[in-house]
Protein backbone atom coordinates (compact mmCIF):
# COMPACT_ATOMS: atom_id res chain seq x y z
CA UNK A 1 -7.45 -53.06 72.43
CA UNK A 2 -9.20 -50.36 74.45
CA UNK A 3 -7.23 -47.43 75.85
CA UNK A 4 -8.46 -45.62 78.92
CA UNK A 5 -9.15 -41.94 78.25
CA UNK A 6 -10.24 -39.47 80.93
CA UNK A 7 -12.61 -37.57 78.65
CA UNK A 8 -14.55 -40.80 78.02
CA UNK A 9 -14.79 -41.76 81.69
CA UNK A 10 -18.07 -41.73 83.57
CA UNK A 11 -19.15 -42.30 87.18
CA UNK A 12 -22.41 -43.88 88.30
CA UNK A 13 -23.81 -44.67 91.74
CA UNK A 14 -26.20 -47.17 93.29
CA UNK A 15 -27.64 -47.16 96.82
CA UNK A 16 -26.88 -50.36 98.71
CA UNK A 17 -28.93 -52.02 101.44
CA UNK A 18 -26.45 -54.69 102.62
CA UNK A 19 -22.80 -53.91 103.38
CA UNK A 20 -20.32 -55.73 101.09
CA UNK A 21 -23.10 -56.30 98.53
CA UNK A 22 -22.89 -54.26 95.33
CA UNK A 23 -26.03 -53.18 93.48
CA UNK A 24 -26.83 -52.00 89.98
CA UNK A 25 -26.02 -48.32 89.46
CA UNK A 26 -28.94 -45.97 88.82
CA UNK A 27 -27.65 -42.39 88.53
CA UNK A 28 -24.75 -40.35 87.21
CA UNK A 29 -22.32 -38.31 89.34
CA UNK A 30 -20.83 -35.28 87.49
CA UNK A 31 -17.24 -36.04 88.46
CA UNK A 32 -13.96 -34.56 87.24
CA UNK A 33 -11.42 -36.82 88.95
CA UNK A 34 -11.12 -39.76 91.32
CA UNK A 35 -8.36 -41.58 93.19
CA UNK A 36 -10.00 -44.70 94.63
CA UNK A 37 -7.58 -47.59 94.67
CA UNK A 38 -7.22 -51.09 96.05
CA UNK A 39 -4.22 -51.88 98.23
CA UNK A 40 -3.31 -55.24 99.69
CA UNK A 41 -1.83 -55.34 103.15
CA UNK A 42 0.95 -57.87 102.54
CA UNK A 43 2.69 -60.48 104.67
CA UNK A 44 6.41 -61.11 104.13
CA UNK A 45 8.57 -64.03 105.18
CA UNK A 46 10.99 -62.74 107.83
CA UNK A 47 12.49 -65.94 109.25
CA UNK A 48 16.25 -66.36 108.98
CA UNK A 49 17.35 -68.81 106.31
CA UNK A 50 21.04 -68.24 105.59
CA UNK A 51 20.60 -65.46 103.00
CA UNK A 52 20.09 -61.65 103.04
CA UNK A 53 17.64 -61.87 100.12
CA UNK A 54 13.91 -61.29 100.55
CA UNK A 55 12.05 -64.49 99.81
CA UNK A 56 8.28 -64.07 99.58
CA UNK A 57 5.47 -61.53 99.91
CA UNK A 58 1.82 -62.62 99.80
CA UNK A 59 -1.38 -60.57 99.57
CA UNK A 60 -3.28 -60.65 102.83
CA UNK A 61 -5.98 -58.05 103.60
CA UNK A 62 -7.73 -55.55 101.30
CA UNK A 63 -7.57 -51.84 102.17
CA UNK A 64 -9.54 -49.24 100.23
CA UNK A 65 -9.26 -45.95 102.08
CA UNK A 66 -8.27 -42.34 101.49
CA UNK A 67 -9.66 -42.08 97.96
CA UNK A 68 -11.32 -38.96 96.64
CA UNK A 69 -14.15 -38.22 94.21
CA UNK A 70 -14.25 -34.64 92.92
CA UNK A 71 -16.45 -32.79 90.49
CA UNK A 72 -18.74 -29.85 89.81
CA UNK A 73 -21.71 -28.97 92.00
CA UNK A 74 -24.93 -28.92 89.98
CA UNK A 75 -28.66 -28.74 90.49
CA UNK A 76 -29.94 -32.32 90.17
CA UNK A 77 -31.90 -33.42 87.11
CA UNK A 78 -33.86 -36.68 86.85
CA UNK A 79 -35.24 -36.93 83.29
CA UNK A 80 -33.95 -40.03 81.50
CA UNK A 81 -31.69 -40.90 84.44
CA UNK A 82 -30.80 -38.91 87.57
CA UNK A 83 -27.64 -36.82 87.47
CA UNK A 84 -26.39 -34.62 90.29
CA UNK A 85 -24.77 -34.31 93.70
CA UNK A 86 -27.55 -34.74 96.25
CA UNK A 87 -26.66 -38.40 96.84
CA UNK A 88 -23.14 -37.37 97.84
CA UNK A 89 -24.49 -34.73 100.22
CA UNK A 90 -26.80 -37.28 101.83
CA UNK A 91 -23.90 -39.74 102.08
CA UNK A 92 -21.63 -37.23 103.85
CA UNK A 93 -24.25 -35.68 106.16
CA UNK A 94 -26.24 -38.84 106.85
CA UNK A 95 -29.91 -37.80 106.83
CA UNK A 96 -32.52 -36.25 104.56
CA UNK A 97 -36.22 -35.48 104.31
CA UNK A 98 -38.63 -34.08 101.76
CA UNK A 99 -40.22 -30.66 102.29
CA UNK A 100 -43.23 -31.18 100.03
CA UNK A 101 -44.78 -27.80 100.87
CA UNK A 102 -41.80 -25.92 99.49
CA UNK A 103 -40.88 -28.54 96.88
CA UNK A 104 -37.33 -29.06 98.14
CA UNK A 105 -35.11 -31.64 99.81
CA UNK A 106 -33.48 -31.15 103.21
CA UNK A 107 -30.12 -32.66 104.18
CA UNK A 108 -28.78 -32.63 107.73
CA UNK A 109 -26.31 -34.28 110.09
CA UNK A 110 -26.95 -37.76 111.50
CA UNK A 111 -25.16 -39.30 114.47
CA UNK A 112 -24.17 -42.33 112.37
CA UNK A 113 -23.50 -42.67 108.66
CA UNK A 114 -25.54 -45.71 107.72
CA UNK A 115 -25.56 -45.19 103.94
CA UNK A 116 -23.08 -46.95 101.66
CA UNK A 117 -22.90 -46.96 97.91
CA UNK A 118 -21.74 -48.84 94.85
CA UNK A 119 -19.61 -46.52 92.70
CA UNK A 120 -18.75 -47.61 89.18
CA UNK A 121 -16.31 -45.89 86.82
CA UNK A 122 -16.20 -46.58 83.12
CA UNK A 123 -12.47 -46.56 82.35
CA UNK A 124 -13.05 -48.20 78.92
CA UNK A 125 -10.55 -50.99 79.55
CA UNK A 126 -12.69 -52.14 82.49
CA UNK A 127 -15.53 -51.10 84.71
CA UNK A 128 -14.14 -50.34 88.18
CA UNK A 129 -16.73 -51.17 90.82
CA UNK A 130 -16.21 -49.81 94.34
CA UNK A 131 -18.33 -51.80 96.79
CA UNK A 132 -19.89 -50.24 99.92
CA UNK A 133 -18.22 -46.85 99.71
CA UNK A 134 -18.64 -44.41 102.59
CA UNK A 135 -17.66 -40.74 102.47
CA UNK A 136 -15.32 -39.75 105.29
CA UNK A 137 -15.42 -36.09 104.29
CA UNK A 138 -17.09 -33.59 102.00
CA UNK A 139 -15.75 -30.23 100.86
CA UNK A 140 -17.67 -27.60 98.90
CA UNK A 141 -15.59 -24.77 97.44
CA UNK A 142 -16.47 -21.75 95.36
CA UNK A 143 -14.79 -18.68 93.90
CA UNK A 144 -16.36 -16.07 91.67
CA UNK A 145 -14.36 -16.87 88.56
CA UNK A 146 -14.80 -20.66 88.76
CA UNK A 147 -17.55 -23.22 89.19
CA UNK A 148 -18.52 -24.37 92.68
CA UNK A 149 -16.95 -27.79 93.21
CA UNK A 150 -17.35 -30.76 95.52
CA UNK A 151 -14.80 -33.21 96.84
CA UNK A 152 -16.03 -36.36 98.58
CA UNK A 153 -12.85 -37.53 100.28
CA UNK A 154 -11.46 -40.11 102.70
CA UNK A 155 -13.56 -42.73 100.92
CA UNK A 156 -13.49 -46.09 102.67
CA UNK A 157 -14.95 -49.17 100.98
CA UNK A 158 -15.19 -52.92 101.35
CA UNK A 159 -13.82 -53.92 97.96
CA UNK A 160 -12.93 -52.80 94.47
CA UNK A 161 -13.57 -55.08 91.51
CA UNK A 162 -12.84 -54.79 87.82
CA UNK A 163 -14.45 -56.36 84.78
CA UNK A 164 -13.77 -60.09 84.93
CA UNK A 165 -13.41 -60.30 88.72
CA UNK A 166 -15.62 -62.82 90.48
CA UNK A 167 -18.85 -61.33 91.80
CA UNK A 168 -18.73 -58.01 89.97
CA UNK A 169 -22.27 -56.69 89.44
CA UNK A 170 -21.89 -53.83 86.94
CA UNK A 171 -20.43 -53.94 83.44
CA UNK A 172 -19.36 -50.91 81.43
CA UNK A 173 -22.76 -50.98 79.74
CA UNK A 174 -24.46 -50.39 83.11
CA UNK A 175 -22.79 -46.98 83.21
CA UNK A 176 -23.05 -46.02 79.53
CA UNK A 177 -26.72 -47.02 79.33
CA UNK A 178 -27.74 -44.35 81.85
CA UNK A 179 -28.92 -41.46 79.69
CA UNK A 180 -29.90 -38.19 81.41
CA UNK A 181 -31.85 -36.07 78.94
CA UNK A 182 -31.47 -32.72 80.72
CA UNK A 183 -28.08 -31.08 81.06
CA UNK A 184 -27.64 -30.16 84.75
CA UNK A 185 -27.12 -26.49 85.48
CA UNK A 186 -24.04 -25.48 87.49
CA UNK A 187 -24.14 -23.89 90.93
CA UNK A 188 -22.27 -20.59 90.45
CA UNK A 189 -20.94 -17.99 92.87
CA UNK A 190 -22.47 -15.18 90.78
CA UNK A 191 -25.88 -16.53 91.87
CA UNK A 192 -24.96 -16.53 95.57
CA UNK A 193 -25.96 -14.36 98.52
CA UNK A 194 -24.10 -14.55 101.84
CA UNK A 195 -25.42 -13.30 105.17
CA UNK A 196 -23.85 -13.39 108.63
CA UNK A 197 -24.97 -11.96 111.98
CA UNK A 198 -25.04 -12.58 115.69
CA UNK A 199 -27.84 -14.71 117.16
CA UNK A 200 -29.79 -11.83 118.71
CA UNK A 201 -32.58 -12.07 116.14
CA UNK A 202 -33.39 -13.61 112.77
CA UNK A 203 -30.83 -13.13 110.05
CA UNK A 204 -31.99 -10.62 107.41
CA UNK A 205 -30.96 -9.08 104.11
CA UNK A 206 -29.37 -6.22 106.03
CA UNK A 207 -26.80 -8.79 107.20
CA UNK A 208 -25.45 -9.43 103.70
CA UNK A 209 -21.74 -9.00 103.08
CA UNK A 210 -19.81 -9.31 99.83
CA UNK A 211 -17.54 -12.35 99.49
CA UNK A 212 -15.71 -13.80 96.52
CA UNK A 213 -14.98 -17.28 97.82
CA UNK A 214 -15.88 -19.89 100.43
CA UNK A 215 -15.00 -23.39 101.62
CA UNK A 216 -17.23 -25.67 103.70
CA UNK A 217 -15.66 -28.86 105.04
CA UNK A 218 -17.32 -31.79 106.84
CA UNK A 219 -14.98 -34.40 108.37
CA UNK A 220 -16.77 -37.48 109.68
CA UNK A 221 -13.88 -39.11 111.60
CA UNK A 222 -14.63 -42.63 110.35
CA UNK A 223 -12.57 -45.66 111.27
CA UNK A 224 -9.87 -46.57 108.80
CA UNK A 225 -9.74 -50.04 107.24
CA UNK A 226 -9.83 -52.73 109.91
CA UNK A 227 -10.50 -56.44 109.82
CA UNK A 228 -11.77 -59.37 111.89
CA UNK A 229 -12.70 -63.00 111.55
CA UNK A 230 -16.05 -63.60 109.90
CA UNK A 231 -19.44 -63.52 111.60
CA UNK A 232 -23.05 -63.08 110.51
CA UNK A 233 -22.33 -59.49 109.36
CA UNK A 234 -18.72 -59.59 108.19
CA UNK A 235 -18.69 -62.51 105.77
CA UNK A 236 -15.31 -61.86 104.15
CA UNK A 237 -12.30 -61.82 106.44
CA UNK A 238 -10.15 -60.21 103.74
CA UNK A 239 -12.30 -57.07 103.40
CA UNK A 240 -12.67 -54.22 105.87
CA UNK A 241 -15.32 -53.99 108.54
CA UNK A 242 -17.98 -51.37 107.91
CA UNK A 243 -16.56 -47.95 108.87
CA UNK A 244 -18.18 -46.21 111.85
CA UNK A 245 -17.63 -42.89 113.55
CA UNK A 246 -14.45 -43.02 115.60
CA UNK A 247 -14.41 -39.57 117.20
CA UNK A 248 -15.97 -36.14 117.03
CA UNK A 249 -16.92 -34.94 113.57
CA UNK A 250 -15.53 -31.56 112.53
CA UNK A 251 -17.22 -28.91 110.43
CA UNK A 252 -15.34 -25.79 109.33
CA UNK A 253 -16.20 -22.83 107.13
CA UNK A 254 -14.14 -20.04 105.61
CA UNK A 255 -14.82 -17.01 103.45
CA UNK A 256 -12.76 -14.61 101.37
CA UNK A 257 -13.75 -10.92 101.42
CA UNK A 258 -12.31 -8.98 98.44
CA UNK A 259 -11.89 -5.64 100.26
CA UNK A 260 -11.05 -4.85 103.88
CA UNK A 261 -13.61 -2.18 104.83
CA UNK A 262 -14.74 -3.11 108.34
CA UNK A 263 -13.42 -4.47 111.65
CA UNK A 264 -16.65 -6.36 112.36
CA UNK A 265 -15.07 -9.82 112.05
CA UNK A 266 -12.30 -8.88 114.47
CA UNK A 267 -14.83 -7.39 116.90
CA UNK A 268 -16.87 -10.60 116.86
CA UNK A 269 -13.74 -12.65 117.45
CA UNK A 270 -12.64 -10.47 120.39
CA UNK A 271 -16.07 -10.73 122.04
CA UNK A 272 -16.40 -14.48 121.36
CA UNK A 273 -19.76 -13.83 119.71
CA UNK A 274 -21.95 -16.78 118.62
CA UNK A 275 -22.88 -16.20 114.99
CA UNK A 276 -25.28 -17.52 112.35
CA UNK A 277 -24.81 -17.51 108.58
CA UNK A 278 -26.34 -18.71 105.35
CA UNK A 279 -25.06 -18.98 101.81
CA UNK A 280 -27.84 -19.27 99.25
CA UNK A 281 -27.64 -19.93 95.52
CA UNK A 282 -30.57 -19.46 93.14
CA UNK A 283 -30.77 -19.94 89.38
CA UNK A 284 -33.57 -20.74 86.95
CA UNK A 285 -36.06 -21.63 89.68
CA UNK A 286 -33.59 -23.93 91.46
CA UNK A 287 -31.99 -23.34 94.87
CA UNK A 288 -29.00 -24.62 96.83
CA UNK A 289 -28.95 -23.24 100.38
CA UNK A 290 -26.30 -23.81 103.05
CA UNK A 291 -27.65 -23.00 106.53
CA UNK A 292 -25.27 -22.58 109.48
CA UNK A 293 -27.13 -21.76 112.70
CA UNK A 294 -24.11 -21.66 115.04
CA UNK A 295 -20.51 -20.77 114.22
CA UNK A 296 -17.65 -18.87 115.83
CA UNK A 297 -14.72 -17.06 114.30
CA UNK A 298 -11.40 -18.84 114.86
CA UNK A 299 -9.07 -16.77 112.70
CA UNK A 300 -9.76 -13.53 110.86
CA UNK A 301 -6.93 -11.97 108.88
CA UNK A 302 -6.31 -8.84 106.81
CA UNK A 303 -2.64 -9.09 105.98
CA UNK A 304 -0.80 -6.66 103.76
CA UNK A 305 0.66 -8.61 100.86
CA UNK A 306 2.05 -5.70 98.87
CA UNK A 307 0.77 -2.52 97.25
CA UNK A 308 -2.56 -4.11 96.27
CA UNK A 309 -5.91 -3.77 98.05
CA UNK A 310 -6.01 -5.48 101.46
CA UNK A 311 -8.30 -8.51 101.53
CA UNK A 312 -9.87 -10.40 104.42
CA UNK A 313 -9.93 -14.12 105.04
CA UNK A 314 -12.03 -15.47 107.89
CA UNK A 315 -12.08 -19.03 109.27
CA UNK A 316 -14.89 -20.38 111.42
CA UNK A 317 -15.57 -23.44 113.54
CA UNK A 318 -19.13 -24.70 113.05
CA UNK A 319 -20.82 -26.12 116.15
CA UNK A 320 -23.97 -28.11 116.90
CA UNK A 321 -26.96 -25.84 117.33
CA UNK A 322 -28.68 -27.72 120.20
CA UNK A 323 -31.45 -25.14 120.37
CA UNK A 324 -29.11 -22.17 120.90
CA UNK A 325 -30.34 -20.44 117.74
CA UNK A 326 -34.11 -20.69 117.42
CA UNK A 327 -34.30 -18.19 114.57
CA UNK A 328 -32.61 -20.17 111.80
CA UNK A 329 -34.61 -23.16 110.57
CA UNK A 330 -35.33 -24.97 107.34
CA UNK A 331 -37.96 -23.28 105.16
CA UNK A 332 -40.66 -25.55 106.62
CA UNK A 333 -39.74 -24.25 110.11
CA UNK A 334 -38.19 -27.53 111.26
CA UNK A 335 -35.12 -27.17 113.44
CA UNK A 336 -31.52 -27.64 112.28
CA UNK A 337 -30.22 -29.65 115.23
CA UNK A 338 -26.79 -30.46 113.83
CA UNK A 339 -24.02 -28.22 112.57
CA UNK A 340 -25.43 -27.46 109.11
CA UNK A 341 -28.48 -27.94 106.97
CA UNK A 342 -28.59 -27.95 103.16
CA UNK A 343 -31.73 -27.30 101.14
CA UNK A 344 -31.93 -28.33 97.48
CA UNK A 345 -34.71 -27.22 95.17
CA UNK A 346 -34.06 -29.19 92.00
CA UNK A 347 -35.81 -31.59 89.64
CA UNK A 348 -35.41 -34.35 92.26
CA UNK A 349 -38.90 -34.88 93.75
CA UNK A 350 -37.83 -37.12 96.63
CA UNK A 351 -34.91 -36.62 98.97
CA UNK A 352 -31.81 -38.65 98.08
């Protein structure tokens, strides 16, 4: 009898074309934990029948929402089988394009999130196949003494099947047979450079400041699980309708500054100054660049916590650019119309 062991687990992903229709997985996600689960919305008998005892509960509708997939941010590799994080970034931001001239992939915000994915986890006892997963949020976090991590959260999906369930597409072997031959290199804070400035001119190296941590969060405000009778699109009344945007998306950014040496952040907050920033990682010929053309400070702090050095923490709201900042673009000079752009120079030769 097999026993599920975390160290032996593996996650693989496939790109779907039809909602509620799983596909064979094709690439590995370097994950560390997950919490995707299947919950049945139940119906209970509540009529009065001469007894205080509860009589019957039956499974009714399937809800798969609120799950999280977390792991380590790496530069994508493709030899043998793709392994990396660019698919997750595309899934959370919604759009991508190839910059062939600079040999990199561009990821940016789309009005709608049309992509959905088959996620399969090898848990040894069974393959767990999540059908038509969408990423309601994405968080990238880094500190100098740890690896940069990702968390794709608020995952909403149509169904979750295990080995032996009717209609499951992927077996455990579909995950274990994927064999990347190059070990992906981690994205590390020691390889980072952070710059921030007002929008009066192009950001430059003179705008660098020292940080020792950051968090970037994208919240897509997708609908939660909801159901309807079947039609030509929704063919299974028990599974959720495809999630769509259900409000304004929210993008936030924060940094940690190890030593309080300047009032610049407080001055910018007081004057309500529109800012621009970028956080760029480079290692071994690879790049991972976060571009933020328009952000404003919402809360800077430099509290005294004791006899130690005073540190700064600064929180920002990230806003749509809409042509306000014409200086910050992708490397190929195309505009960043949404809140953020991400450039990835990796082994991946087409955008995810």
